[in-house]
Amino acid sequence: MLTVDFTRFPLAAGDRVLDLGCGAGRHAFECYRRGAQVVALDQNAEEIREVATWFAAMKEAGEAPAGATATAMEGDALNLPFPDESFDVVIISEVMEHIPDDKGVLAEMVRVLKPGGRIAVTVPRYGPEKICWALSDEYHEVEGGHIRIYKADELIAKMRGAGLKPYGTHHAHALHSPYWWLKCAFGVDNDKALPVRAYHKLLVWDIMKKPALTRVAEQLLNPVVGKSFVAYATKPHTPTAAAK
């Protein structure tokens, strides 16, 4: 299940890509399949081991084209172990809402991004996320949980302030918003509640089968209740006025 829309965020074979805070690796895997030279970085050692295992399996199965490479590594988003201007593309998906120093993370991403490079940032959308917080303290008051809710204009302003030039936005995963509202209402860790189990089955069916009905429904609902807000930007070849 991808949050970044690669029709709006073009990726060329051979692009050097950093998936920052890669988690289970969904975007890193897609970039690898598209022929990129991928680095998947996360502070969670267990998830990095799992991502590395999947990279190896994909290579063995011939899922990635010739020339594509993939590396999984532990690292700190506030102190990236890469030289300046190392990457053509940076993706950070559903990560910044967890990090107190989000401006510091943006600065590090801009530092390692080449001039003319592209960046995709995704965060939980304000409206659906606000409902989750209202329904459940457990949803966000946990170690490593969400510490802020972004408004779209706030995130865009921070991206501009970091020297980026935003060029497009959209919302994603409308069908997932009701699921998380149900989870928050019945208990975040209560997977036995009938409404939660039933909706989860619907989502699994949708992800596996990709039926036209739910695809159209989600496209229509994304602008209204899309769970994620997605912003795309480039790093100018010369500093922007906001960055001076």
Protein backbone atom coordinates (compact mmCIF):
# COMPACT_ATOMS: atom_id res chain seq x y z
CA MET A 1 0.00 0.00 0.00
CA LEU A 2 1.82 3.08 -1.28
CA THR A 3 1.17 6.58 0.00
CA VAL A 4 3.48 8.29 -2.49
CA ASP A 5 1.96 8.49 -5.97
CA PHE A 6 4.76 7.76 -8.43
CA THR A 7 2.76 9.22 -11.31
CA ARG A 8 3.19 12.59 -9.55
CA PHE A 9 6.64 11.83 -8.21
CA PRO A 10 8.67 10.52 -11.17
CA LEU A 11 11.47 8.08 -10.48
CA ALA A 12 14.11 7.20 -13.08
CA ALA A 13 16.12 4.00 -13.23
CA GLY A 14 19.45 4.65 -11.56
CA ASP A 15 18.16 7.39 -9.26
CA ARG A 16 19.78 7.24 -5.84
CA VAL A 17 16.89 7.13 -3.35
CA LEU A 18 16.78 7.52 0.42
CA ASP A 19 13.68 6.10 2.14
CA LEU A 20 14.05 7.82 5.51
CA GLY A 21 12.26 6.11 8.37
CA CYS A 22 11.45 3.29 5.98
CA GLY A 23 9.54 1.16 8.50
CA ALA A 24 8.49 -2.09 6.84
CA GLY A 25 9.93 -0.86 3.54
CA ARG A 26 6.91 -0.45 1.27
CA HIS A 27 8.22 2.59 -0.61
CA ALA A 28 11.79 1.27 -0.69
CA PHE A 29 10.59 -1.94 -2.33
CA GLU A 30 8.68 -0.02 -4.99
CA CYS A 31 11.71 2.15 -5.78
CA TYR A 32 13.87 -0.98 -6.04
CA ARG A 33 11.38 -2.51 -8.48
CA ARG A 34 11.61 0.67 -10.55
CA GLY A 35 15.37 0.32 -10.93
CA ALA A 36 16.60 2.80 -8.33
CA GLN A 37 19.66 2.60 -6.12
CA VAL A 38 17.85 2.48 -2.80
CA VAL A 39 18.97 3.11 0.75
CA ALA A 40 16.30 2.23 3.33
CA LEU A 41 17.13 3.77 6.70
CA ASP A 42 15.37 3.41 10.04
CA GLN A 43 16.31 3.49 13.72
CA ASN A 44 14.41 0.22 14.36
CA ALA A 45 16.95 -2.60 14.05
CA GLU A 46 14.32 -5.33 13.83
CA GLU A 47 12.52 -3.66 10.93
CA ILE A 48 15.82 -3.03 9.13
CA ARG A 49 16.70 -6.72 9.36
CA GLU A 50 13.31 -7.60 7.89
CA VAL A 51 13.69 -5.06 5.07
CA ALA A 52 17.14 -6.45 4.26
CA THR A 53 15.68 -9.96 4.09
CA TRP A 54 13.01 -8.80 1.65
CA PHE A 55 15.56 -6.96 -0.50
CA ALA A 56 17.54 -10.21 -0.77
CA ALA A 57 14.40 -12.18 -1.65
CA MET A 58 13.44 -9.65 -4.32
CA LYS A 59 16.89 -9.89 -5.88
CA GLU A 60 16.72 -13.68 -5.84
CA ALA A 61 13.29 -13.61 -7.47
CA GLY A 62 14.43 -11.20 -10.18
CA GLU A 63 11.94 -8.51 -9.13
CA ALA A 64 14.41 -5.67 -9.59
CA PRO A 65 15.94 -4.73 -12.98
CA ALA A 66 19.64 -4.90 -13.75
CA GLY A 67 21.54 -2.02 -12.18
CA ALA A 68 19.14 -1.58 -9.27
CA THR A 69 20.67 -1.81 -5.81
CA ALA A 70 19.18 -1.92 -2.32
CA THR A 71 20.70 -1.41 1.12
CA ALA A 72 18.97 -1.45 4.50
CA MET A 73 20.68 0.27 7.41
CA GLU A 74 20.11 1.66 10.87
CA GLY A 75 20.50 5.40 11.29
CA ASP A 76 19.44 8.62 12.94
CA ALA A 77 17.22 10.95 10.91
CA LEU A 78 18.77 13.95 12.65
CA ASN A 79 22.34 12.87 11.86
CA LEU A 80 22.31 11.12 8.49
CA PRO A 81 25.53 9.21 7.71
CA PHE A 82 25.80 10.55 4.16
CA PRO A 83 27.74 13.37 2.48
CA ASP A 84 26.01 16.50 1.22
CA GLU A 85 24.07 16.12 -2.04
CA SER A 86 24.15 12.30 -2.02
CA PHE A 87 20.63 11.52 -3.26
CA ASP A 88 18.42 12.31 -6.23
CA VAL A 89 15.26 11.45 -4.29
CA VAL A 90 14.26 11.43 -0.61
CA ILE A 91 11.03 9.91 0.74
CA ILE A 92 9.85 10.34 4.32
CA SER A 93 6.45 8.74 4.87
CA GLU A 94 4.47 8.91 8.14
CA VAL A 95 7.59 9.79 10.16
CA MET A 96 7.73 13.52 10.89
CA GLU A 97 4.73 13.44 13.22
CA HIS A 98 6.86 11.27 15.55
CA ILE A 99 9.94 13.52 15.74
CA PRO A 100 10.19 16.53 18.08
CA ASP A 101 12.78 18.32 15.92
CA ASP A 102 10.96 18.16 12.58
CA LYS A 103 12.84 21.21 11.29
CA GLY A 104 16.09 19.41 12.00
CA VAL A 105 14.93 16.40 10.00
CA LEU A 106 13.95 18.61 7.08
CA ALA A 107 17.36 20.31 7.21
CA GLU A 108 19.13 16.94 7.07
CA MET A 109 17.01 15.78 4.13
CA VAL A 110 17.74 18.97 2.23
CA ARG A 111 21.44 18.61 3.01
CA VAL A 112 21.73 15.13 1.49
CA LEU A 113 19.46 15.93 -1.49
CA LYS A 114 21.11 17.03 -4.73
CA PRO A 115 20.12 20.38 -6.25
CA GLY A 116 17.22 19.63 -8.58
CA GLY A 117 16.37 16.54 -6.54
CA ARG A 118 12.88 15.61 -5.42
CA ILE A 119 11.40 14.96 -2.01
CA ALA A 120 8.10 13.40 -0.91
CA VAL A 121 6.74 14.00 2.59
CA THR A 122 3.63 12.27 3.93
CA VAL A 123 1.98 12.83 7.32
CA PRO A 124 -1.40 12.02 8.86
CA ARG A 125 -4.00 14.50 7.66
CA TYR A 126 -5.29 17.05 10.17
CA GLY A 127 -9.04 16.24 10.16
CA PRO A 128 -8.97 12.42 10.37
CA GLU A 129 -6.04 12.54 12.78
CA LYS A 130 -7.84 15.02 15.05
CA ILE A 131 -10.75 12.57 15.30
CA CYS A 132 -8.36 9.77 16.30
CA TRP A 133 -6.86 11.93 19.05
CA ALA A 134 -10.34 12.88 20.30
CA LEU A 135 -11.46 9.25 20.45
CA SER A 136 -8.38 7.80 22.11
CA ASP A 137 -5.52 9.05 24.25
CA GLU A 138 -3.94 5.61 23.81
CA TYR A 139 -3.64 6.28 20.08
CA HIS A 140 -1.03 9.00 20.52
CA GLU A 141 0.10 9.07 24.16
CA VAL A 142 2.58 6.21 23.78
CA GLU A 143 6.36 6.11 23.55
CA GLY A 144 7.35 6.91 19.98
CA GLY A 145 3.77 7.92 19.13
CA HIS A 146 2.42 10.93 17.29
CA ILE A 147 3.40 14.17 19.01
CA ARG A 148 1.77 16.67 16.64
CA ILE A 149 -0.98 17.02 14.05
CA TYR A 150 0.04 18.93 10.95
CA LYS A 151 -2.15 21.34 9.09
CA ALA A 152 -1.33 21.28 5.39
CA ASP A 153 -0.23 24.90 5.22
CA GLU A 154 2.00 24.42 8.29
CA LEU A 155 3.88 21.52 6.68
CA ILE A 156 4.24 23.36 3.38
CA ALA A 157 5.58 26.43 5.21
CA LYS A 158 8.17 24.31 7.01
CA MET A 159 9.24 22.73 3.73
CA ARG A 160 9.64 26.17 2.15
CA GLY A 161 11.53 27.37 5.21
CA ALA A 162 13.98 24.49 4.74
CA GLY A 163 14.72 25.71 1.22
CA LEU A 164 12.42 23.38 -0.72
CA LYS A 165 10.05 24.36 -3.52
CA PRO A 166 6.72 22.48 -3.16
CA TYR A 167 5.04 21.60 -6.44
CA GLY A 168 2.09 19.38 -5.59
CA THR A 169 -0.08 17.87 -2.87
CA HIS A 170 -2.85 15.31 -2.51
CA HIS A 171 -4.55 13.07 0.04
CA ALA A 172 -4.46 9.28 0.26
CA HIS A 173 -6.03 6.26 1.98
CA ALA A 174 -9.57 7.52 2.58
CA LEU A 175 -10.77 3.95 3.22
CA HIS A 176 -8.32 3.69 6.12
CA SER A 177 -9.69 6.65 8.09
CA PRO A 178 -12.86 4.83 9.30
CA TYR A 179 -10.75 1.83 10.27
CA TRP A 180 -8.61 3.93 12.59
CA TRP A 181 -11.66 5.67 14.01
CA LEU A 182 -13.07 2.25 14.87
CA LYS A 183 -9.74 1.19 16.38
CA CYS A 184 -9.67 4.30 18.52
CA ALA A 185 -13.31 3.89 19.58
CA PHE A 186 -13.01 0.20 20.55
CA GLY A 187 -9.41 0.27 21.81
CA VAL A 188 -6.25 0.65 19.75
CA ASP A 189 -5.04 -2.84 20.72
CA ASN A 190 -8.49 -4.46 20.62
CA ASP A 191 -8.46 -6.37 17.34
CA LYS A 192 -11.28 -8.68 18.47
CA ALA A 193 -14.09 -6.12 18.27
CA LEU A 194 -16.44 -7.22 15.49
CA PRO A 195 -16.56 -3.84 13.64
CA VAL A 196 -12.76 -3.64 13.68
CA ARG A 197 -12.34 -7.23 12.42
CA ALA A 198 -14.94 -6.76 9.70
CA TYR A 199 -13.42 -3.53 8.43
CA HIS A 200 -9.94 -5.02 8.50
CA LYS A 201 -11.13 -7.85 6.26
CA LEU A 202 -12.50 -5.25 3.85
CA LEU A 203 -9.16 -3.44 3.73
CA VAL A 204 -7.19 -6.66 3.17
CA TRP A 205 -9.58 -7.62 0.37
CA ASP A 206 -9.22 -4.18 -1.17
CA ILE A 207 -5.39 -4.27 -1.03
CA MET A 208 -5.18 -7.77 -2.46
CA LYS A 209 -7.86 -7.58 -5.14
CA LYS A 210 -7.85 -3.86 -6.02
CA PRO A 211 -11.48 -3.91 -7.21
CA ALA A 212 -12.62 -1.05 -9.41
CA LEU A 213 -15.47 -0.15 -7.04
CA THR A 214 -13.27 0.60 -4.02
CA ARG A 215 -10.56 2.22 -6.18
CA VAL A 216 -13.11 4.70 -7.53
CA ALA A 217 -14.67 5.20 -4.10
CA GLU A 218 -11.31 5.98 -2.53
CA GLN A 219 -10.40 8.45 -5.27
CA LEU A 220 -13.67 10.28 -4.67
CA LEU A 221 -13.29 10.23 -0.88
CA ASN A 222 -9.57 11.09 -0.65
CA PRO A 223 -10.13 14.87 -0.87
CA VAL A 224 -12.67 14.62 1.95
CA VAL A 225 -11.35 12.05 4.45
CA GLY A 226 -8.00 10.87 3.08
CA LYS A 227 -5.95 9.57 6.03
CA SER A 228 -2.63 10.95 4.73
CA PHE A 229 -1.51 14.31 3.39
CA VAL A 230 1.23 14.07 0.75
CA ALA A 231 3.47 16.93 -0.38
CA TYR A 232 6.06 16.92 -3.16
CA ALA A 233 8.91 19.39 -3.56
CA THR A 234 12.20 20.00 -5.32
CA LYS A 235 15.47 21.39 -4.06
CA PRO A 236 16.27 24.45 -6.20
CA HIS A 237 19.67 24.75 -7.84
CA THR A 238 20.01 28.12 -6.11
CA PRO A 239 18.80 29.00 -2.59
CA THR A 240 15.21 30.18 -2.33
CA ALA A 241 14.35 33.49 -0.71
CA ALA A 242 12.95 31.63 2.31
CA ALA A 243 16.23 29.84 2.84
CA LYS A 244 18.44 32.94 2.70
